[in-house]
Amino acid sequence: MQNFRDLIVWQKAHQNVLSIYNYTKSFPKEEQYGITSQLRRAATSIPTNIAEGTGKLTKKDFANYLQTALGSSQEVEYLLLLSWELNFLNDKTYQELNNVNNEIKAMLISLIKKVRS
């Protein structure tokens, strides 16, 4: 068992959650229970699953939680795209958040492969 806070992918995912919470504050109020909530939950799911997975006793279980985190990052990717196309995010912010999310996905894929080998 390892400390999830030591994982760079967890650190990056946690910072991304903080950024997403900050940017979604300006989303339309009517989206509070729609896109805003869903994007926040999906983003939060990534570091949450990484943290929960580090508490599991087997590598297989840890890899499964990492896989769930990867699925959540795919959800974040779509919700960022939707938010941008609805003009809730400007071009610069969208690119910034999407780039970080892509880095997180790549790190998760790499870690999954390492844990499963």
N, C-alpha and C. Protein backbone atom coordinates (compact mmCIF):
# COMPACT_ATOMS: atom_id res chain seq x y z
N MET A 1 0.85 -1.17 0.00
CA MET A 1 0.00 0.00 0.00
C MET A 1 0.90 1.24 0.00
N GLN A 2 0.53 2.22 -0.80
CA GLN A 2 1.32 3.44 -0.90
C GLN A 2 0.49 4.66 -0.58
N ASN A 3 1.16 5.78 -0.36
CA ASN A 3 0.48 7.02 -0.08
C ASN A 3 0.09 7.66 -1.41
N PHE A 4 -1.19 7.86 -1.64
CA PHE A 4 -1.66 8.41 -2.91
C PHE A 4 -1.10 9.80 -3.16
N ARG A 5 -0.81 10.55 -2.11
CA ARG A 5 -0.30 11.92 -2.27
C ARG A 5 1.09 11.95 -2.90
N ASP A 6 1.78 10.82 -2.87
CA ASP A 6 3.11 10.75 -3.47
C ASP A 6 3.04 10.54 -4.99
N LEU A 7 1.89 10.16 -5.50
CA LEU A 7 1.76 9.90 -6.94
C LEU A 7 1.57 11.21 -7.70
N ILE A 8 2.43 11.45 -8.67
CA ILE A 8 2.36 12.69 -9.46
C ILE A 8 1.04 12.78 -10.19
N VAL A 9 0.52 11.66 -10.67
CA VAL A 9 -0.76 11.68 -11.37
C VAL A 9 -1.89 12.12 -10.43
N TRP A 10 -1.84 11.70 -9.18
CA TRP A 10 -2.85 12.16 -8.21
C TRP A 10 -2.70 13.66 -7.98
N GLN A 11 -1.48 14.13 -7.81
CA GLN A 11 -1.23 15.56 -7.58
C GLN A 11 -1.78 16.40 -8.74
N LYS A 12 -1.50 15.98 -9.96
CA LYS A 12 -1.97 16.70 -11.14
C LYS A 12 -3.49 16.65 -11.23
N ALA A 13 -4.08 15.50 -10.95
CA ALA A 13 -5.54 15.36 -11.00
C ALA A 13 -6.20 16.22 -9.92
N HIS A 14 -5.61 16.27 -8.74
CA HIS A 14 -6.15 17.09 -7.66
C HIS A 14 -6.11 18.57 -8.04
N GLN A 15 -5.00 19.02 -8.59
CA GLN A 15 -4.90 20.42 -9.02
C GLN A 15 -5.91 20.72 -10.12
N ASN A 16 -6.15 19.75 -10.98
CA ASN A 16 -7.13 19.93 -12.05
C ASN A 16 -8.54 20.10 -11.48
N VAL A 17 -8.87 19.35 -10.45
CA VAL A 17 -10.17 19.50 -9.79
C VAL A 17 -10.31 20.93 -9.25
N LEU A 18 -9.28 21.42 -8.61
CA LEU A 18 -9.33 22.78 -8.07
C LEU A 18 -9.55 23.80 -9.18
N SER A 19 -8.86 23.62 -10.31
CA SER A 19 -9.04 24.52 -11.46
C SER A 19 -10.45 24.44 -12.01
N ILE A 20 -10.96 23.23 -12.15
CA ILE A 20 -12.31 23.05 -12.70
C ILE A 20 -13.35 23.68 -11.78
N TYR A 21 -13.20 23.51 -10.48
CA TYR A 21 -14.12 24.16 -9.54
C TYR A 21 -14.07 25.68 -9.72
N ASN A 22 -12.87 26.20 -9.87
CA ASN A 22 -12.71 27.65 -10.04
C ASN A 22 -13.39 28.14 -11.32
N TYR A 23 -13.14 27.48 -12.43
CA TYR A 23 -13.70 27.92 -13.71
C TYR A 23 -15.21 27.72 -13.80
N THR A 24 -15.71 26.67 -13.17
CA THR A 24 -17.15 26.41 -13.28
C THR A 24 -17.98 27.35 -12.40
N LYS A 25 -17.34 28.13 -11.55
CA LYS A 25 -18.07 29.14 -10.76
C LYS A 25 -18.78 30.14 -11.67
N SER A 26 -18.22 30.35 -12.86
CA SER A 26 -18.80 31.34 -13.78
C SER A 26 -19.80 30.73 -14.77
N PHE A 27 -20.05 29.44 -14.67
CA PHE A 27 -21.04 28.81 -15.55
C PHE A 27 -22.43 29.37 -15.21
N PRO A 28 -23.34 29.33 -16.16
CA PRO A 28 -24.70 29.84 -15.89
C PRO A 28 -25.34 29.14 -14.70
N LYS A 29 -26.08 29.90 -13.93
CA LYS A 29 -26.73 29.35 -12.73
C LYS A 29 -27.67 28.19 -13.06
N GLU A 30 -28.32 28.26 -14.23
CA GLU A 30 -29.23 27.17 -14.60
C GLU A 30 -28.50 25.85 -14.87
N GLU A 31 -27.17 25.91 -14.97
CA GLU A 31 -26.36 24.69 -15.16
C GLU A 31 -25.81 24.14 -13.85
N GLN A 32 -26.18 24.75 -12.73
CA GLN A 32 -25.65 24.32 -11.44
C GLN A 32 -25.87 22.83 -11.19
N TYR A 33 -27.02 22.32 -11.59
CA TYR A 33 -27.32 20.90 -11.38
C TYR A 33 -27.17 20.10 -12.67
N GLY A 34 -26.62 20.73 -13.68
CA GLY A 34 -26.40 20.07 -14.97
C GLY A 34 -24.91 19.89 -15.22
N ILE A 35 -24.42 20.59 -16.21
CA ILE A 35 -23.02 20.44 -16.62
C ILE A 35 -22.05 20.78 -15.49
N THR A 36 -22.33 21.82 -14.74
CA THR A 36 -21.42 22.22 -13.65
C THR A 36 -21.23 21.06 -12.67
N SER A 37 -22.32 20.51 -12.21
CA SER A 37 -22.26 19.41 -11.25
C SER A 37 -21.60 18.17 -11.86
N GLN A 38 -21.96 17.83 -13.08
CA GLN A 38 -21.43 16.62 -13.71
C GLN A 38 -19.93 16.74 -13.97
N LEU A 39 -19.49 17.92 -14.44
CA LEU A 39 -18.07 18.12 -14.70
C LEU A 39 -17.27 18.06 -13.40
N ARG A 40 -17.78 18.69 -12.37
CA ARG A 40 -17.10 18.64 -11.07
C ARG A 40 -17.02 17.22 -10.53
N ARG A 41 -18.11 16.47 -10.63
CA ARG A 41 -18.12 15.09 -10.11
C ARG A 41 -17.16 14.20 -10.91
N ALA A 42 -17.15 14.35 -12.22
CA ALA A 42 -16.27 13.53 -13.06
C ALA A 42 -14.80 13.85 -12.76
N ALA A 43 -14.50 15.15 -12.65
CA ALA A 43 -13.12 15.55 -12.35
C ALA A 43 -12.69 15.04 -10.97
N THR A 44 -13.58 15.15 -10.00
CA THR A 44 -13.28 14.70 -8.64
C THR A 44 -13.10 13.18 -8.57
N SER A 45 -13.79 12.48 -9.43
CA SER A 45 -13.70 11.02 -9.46
C SER A 45 -12.29 10.53 -9.80
N ILE A 46 -11.54 11.31 -10.55
CA ILE A 46 -10.20 10.86 -10.96
C ILE A 46 -9.27 10.73 -9.76
N PRO A 47 -8.98 11.80 -9.02
CA PRO A 47 -8.08 11.61 -7.87
C PRO A 47 -8.70 10.76 -6.76
N THR A 48 -10.03 10.76 -6.67
CA THR A 48 -10.70 9.93 -5.65
C THR A 48 -10.44 8.45 -5.92
N ASN A 49 -10.58 8.03 -7.16
CA ASN A 49 -10.33 6.61 -7.50
C ASN A 49 -8.87 6.24 -7.37
N ILE A 50 -7.97 7.18 -7.70
CA ILE A 50 -6.55 6.91 -7.50
C ILE A 50 -6.28 6.69 -6.02
N ALA A 51 -6.81 7.58 -5.19
CA ALA A 51 -6.61 7.48 -3.74
C ALA A 51 -7.19 6.18 -3.20
N GLU A 52 -8.41 5.86 -3.60
CA GLU A 52 -9.04 4.65 -3.11
C GLU A 52 -8.27 3.40 -3.56
N GLY A 53 -7.80 3.43 -4.78
CA GLY A 53 -7.05 2.28 -5.32
C GLY A 53 -5.77 2.00 -4.58
N THR A 54 -5.11 3.05 -4.09
CA THR A 54 -3.85 2.83 -3.36
C THR A 54 -4.08 2.11 -2.04
N GLY A 55 -5.31 2.10 -1.58
CA GLY A 55 -5.63 1.41 -0.33
C GLY A 55 -5.97 -0.06 -0.52
N LYS A 56 -6.00 -0.51 -1.74
CA LYS A 56 -6.32 -1.91 -2.01
C LYS A 56 -5.08 -2.78 -1.83
N LEU A 57 -5.31 -4.03 -1.56
CA LEU A 57 -4.20 -4.92 -1.23
C LEU A 57 -3.55 -5.58 -2.44
N THR A 58 -4.25 -5.63 -3.57
CA THR A 58 -3.67 -6.29 -4.74
C THR A 58 -3.45 -5.29 -5.88
N LYS A 59 -2.48 -5.61 -6.72
CA LYS A 59 -2.21 -4.77 -7.89
C LYS A 59 -3.39 -4.78 -8.86
N LYS A 60 -4.06 -5.93 -8.94
CA LYS A 60 -5.22 -6.03 -9.83
C LYS A 60 -6.31 -5.06 -9.39
N ASP A 61 -6.58 -5.00 -8.10
CA ASP A 61 -7.59 -4.07 -7.58
C ASP A 61 -7.17 -2.62 -7.84
N PHE A 62 -5.90 -2.31 -7.60
CA PHE A 62 -5.40 -0.96 -7.84
C PHE A 62 -5.58 -0.59 -9.32
N ALA A 63 -5.22 -1.51 -10.21
CA ALA A 63 -5.36 -1.26 -11.65
C ALA A 63 -6.81 -1.01 -12.04
N ASN A 64 -7.74 -1.73 -11.40
CA ASN A 64 -9.16 -1.52 -11.70
C ASN A 64 -9.61 -0.11 -11.30
N TYR A 65 -9.14 0.39 -10.17
CA TYR A 65 -9.48 1.75 -9.76
C TYR A 65 -8.85 2.79 -10.69
N LEU A 66 -7.63 2.50 -11.15
CA LEU A 66 -6.99 3.39 -12.12
C LEU A 66 -7.77 3.41 -13.43
N GLN A 67 -8.30 2.26 -13.82
CA GLN A 67 -9.11 2.16 -15.03
C GLN A 67 -10.38 3.00 -14.89
N THR A 68 -10.99 2.97 -13.71
CA THR A 68 -12.17 3.80 -13.46
C THR A 68 -11.81 5.28 -13.54
N ALA A 69 -10.65 5.65 -12.99
CA ALA A 69 -10.19 7.04 -13.07
C ALA A 69 -9.99 7.44 -14.53
N LEU A 70 -9.47 6.53 -15.33
CA LEU A 70 -9.28 6.81 -16.76
C LEU A 70 -10.63 7.04 -17.44
N GLY A 71 -11.62 6.25 -17.10
CA GLY A 71 -12.96 6.46 -17.65
C GLY A 71 -13.51 7.82 -17.27
N SER A 72 -13.27 8.24 -16.05
CA SER A 72 -13.73 9.56 -15.61
C SER A 72 -13.01 10.67 -16.37
N SER A 73 -11.75 10.45 -16.71
CA SER A 73 -11.02 11.47 -17.47
C SER A 73 -11.59 11.59 -18.89
N GLN A 74 -12.10 10.49 -19.43
CA GLN A 74 -12.77 10.55 -20.74
C GLN A 74 -14.05 11.38 -20.62
N GLU A 75 -14.76 11.20 -19.53
CA GLU A 75 -15.98 11.96 -19.28
C GLU A 75 -15.65 13.45 -19.15
N VAL A 76 -14.58 13.77 -18.44
CA VAL A 76 -14.16 15.16 -18.30
C VAL A 76 -13.83 15.75 -19.67
N GLU A 77 -13.15 14.97 -20.50
CA GLU A 77 -12.81 15.46 -21.83
C GLU A 77 -14.06 15.89 -22.60
N TYR A 78 -15.07 15.04 -22.59
CA TYR A 78 -16.31 15.40 -23.29
C TYR A 78 -16.99 16.62 -22.67
N LEU A 79 -17.08 16.65 -21.36
CA LEU A 79 -17.78 17.76 -20.69
C LEU A 79 -17.05 19.09 -20.89
N LEU A 80 -15.73 19.05 -20.98
CA LEU A 80 -14.98 20.27 -21.31
C LEU A 80 -15.31 20.73 -22.73
N LEU A 81 -15.34 19.78 -23.65
CA LEU A 81 -15.68 20.10 -25.04
C LEU A 81 -17.08 20.71 -25.12
N LEU A 82 -18.03 20.09 -24.46
CA LEU A 82 -19.41 20.59 -24.45
C LEU A 82 -19.46 22.00 -23.84
N SER A 83 -18.77 22.19 -22.73
CA SER A 83 -18.75 23.50 -22.07
C SER A 83 -18.16 24.57 -22.99
N TRP A 84 -17.14 24.21 -23.73
CA TRP A 84 -16.52 25.15 -24.67
C TRP A 84 -17.47 25.48 -25.82
N GLU A 85 -18.11 24.43 -26.37
CA GLU A 85 -19.02 24.65 -27.49
C GLU A 85 -20.26 25.44 -27.08
N LEU A 86 -20.62 25.38 -25.81
CA LEU A 86 -21.74 26.18 -25.30
C LEU A 86 -21.27 27.57 -24.84
N ASN A 87 -19.99 27.86 -25.07
CA ASN A 87 -19.38 29.15 -24.72
C ASN A 87 -19.35 29.41 -23.22
N PHE A 88 -19.28 28.34 -22.42
CA PHE A 88 -19.10 28.50 -20.98
C PHE A 88 -17.62 28.66 -20.66
N LEU A 89 -16.76 28.17 -21.56
CA LEU A 89 -15.30 28.30 -21.42
C LEU A 89 -14.77 29.01 -22.65
N ASN A 90 -13.81 29.91 -22.46
CA ASN A 90 -13.19 30.54 -23.63
C ASN A 90 -12.13 29.59 -24.21
N ASP A 91 -11.61 29.94 -25.37
CA ASP A 91 -10.66 29.07 -26.07
C ASP A 91 -9.43 28.74 -25.22
N LYS A 92 -8.86 29.76 -24.61
CA LYS A 92 -7.64 29.57 -23.82
C LYS A 92 -7.88 28.64 -22.63
N THR A 93 -8.94 28.87 -21.91
CA THR A 93 -9.25 28.05 -20.74
C THR A 93 -9.55 26.61 -21.15
N TYR A 94 -10.32 26.46 -22.22
CA TYR A 94 -10.62 25.11 -22.71
C TYR A 94 -9.33 24.36 -23.05
N GLN A 95 -8.46 25.00 -23.81
CA GLN A 95 -7.20 24.35 -24.20
C GLN A 95 -6.36 23.99 -22.98
N GLU A 96 -6.30 24.90 -22.04
CA GLU A 96 -5.52 24.68 -20.82
C GLU A 96 -6.05 23.47 -20.05
N LEU A 97 -7.35 23.45 -19.79
CA LEU A 97 -7.95 22.34 -19.04
C LEU A 97 -7.88 21.03 -19.81
N ASN A 98 -8.10 21.09 -21.10
CA ASN A 98 -8.06 19.88 -21.93
C ASN A 98 -6.65 19.31 -21.99
N ASN A 99 -5.65 20.18 -22.11
CA ASN A 99 -4.26 19.71 -22.13
C ASN A 99 -3.88 19.01 -20.83
N VAL A 100 -4.27 19.59 -19.71
CA VAL A 100 -3.98 18.96 -18.42
C VAL A 100 -4.70 17.62 -18.32
N ASN A 101 -5.95 17.57 -18.75
CA ASN A 101 -6.70 16.32 -18.71
C ASN A 101 -6.02 15.25 -19.58
N ASN A 102 -5.52 15.65 -20.74
CA ASN A 102 -4.81 14.70 -21.61
C ASN A 102 -3.53 14.20 -20.96
N GLU A 103 -2.83 15.06 -20.25
CA GLU A 103 -1.63 14.64 -19.52
C GLU A 103 -2.01 13.61 -18.44
N ILE A 104 -3.09 13.87 -17.75
CA ILE A 104 -3.55 12.94 -16.71
C ILE A 104 -3.90 11.60 -17.34
N LYS A 105 -4.59 11.62 -18.46
CA LYS A 105 -4.95 10.35 -19.14
C LYS A 105 -3.70 9.57 -19.52
N ALA A 106 -2.71 10.25 -20.08
CA ALA A 106 -1.48 9.57 -20.48
C ALA A 106 -0.76 8.98 -19.26
N MET A 107 -0.75 9.73 -18.17
CA MET A 107 -0.11 9.23 -16.95
C MET A 107 -0.86 8.02 -16.39
N LEU A 108 -2.18 8.07 -16.44
CA LEU A 108 -2.98 6.93 -15.96
C LEU A 108 -2.73 5.69 -16.81
N ILE A 109 -2.69 5.85 -18.12
CA ILE A 109 -2.44 4.72 -19.01
C ILE A 109 -1.09 4.10 -18.70
N SER A 110 -0.09 4.95 -18.53
CA SER A 110 1.25 4.47 -18.21
C SER A 110 1.27 3.73 -16.88
N LEU A 111 0.61 4.28 -15.87
CA LEU A 111 0.59 3.65 -14.56
C LEU A 111 -0.18 2.34 -14.60
N ILE A 112 -1.28 2.30 -15.33
CA ILE A 112 -2.05 1.05 -15.45
C ILE A 112 -1.17 -0.04 -16.05
N LYS A 113 -0.46 0.28 -17.11
CA LYS A 113 0.44 -0.70 -17.76
C LYS A 113 1.52 -1.18 -16.78
N LYS A 114 2.05 -0.25 -16.03
CA LYS A 114 3.11 -0.60 -15.06
C LYS A 114 2.57 -1.51 -13.97
N VAL A 115 1.39 -1.18 -13.43
CA VAL A 115 0.81 -1.96 -12.35
C VAL A 115 0.41 -3.36 -12.84
N ARG A 116 -0.07 -3.44 -14.07
CA ARG A 116 -0.52 -4.74 -14.61
C ARG A 116 0.63 -5.64 -15.07
N SER A 117 1.83 -5.08 -15.23
CA SER A 117 2.94 -5.92 -15.73
C SER A 117 3.64 -6.67 -14.61
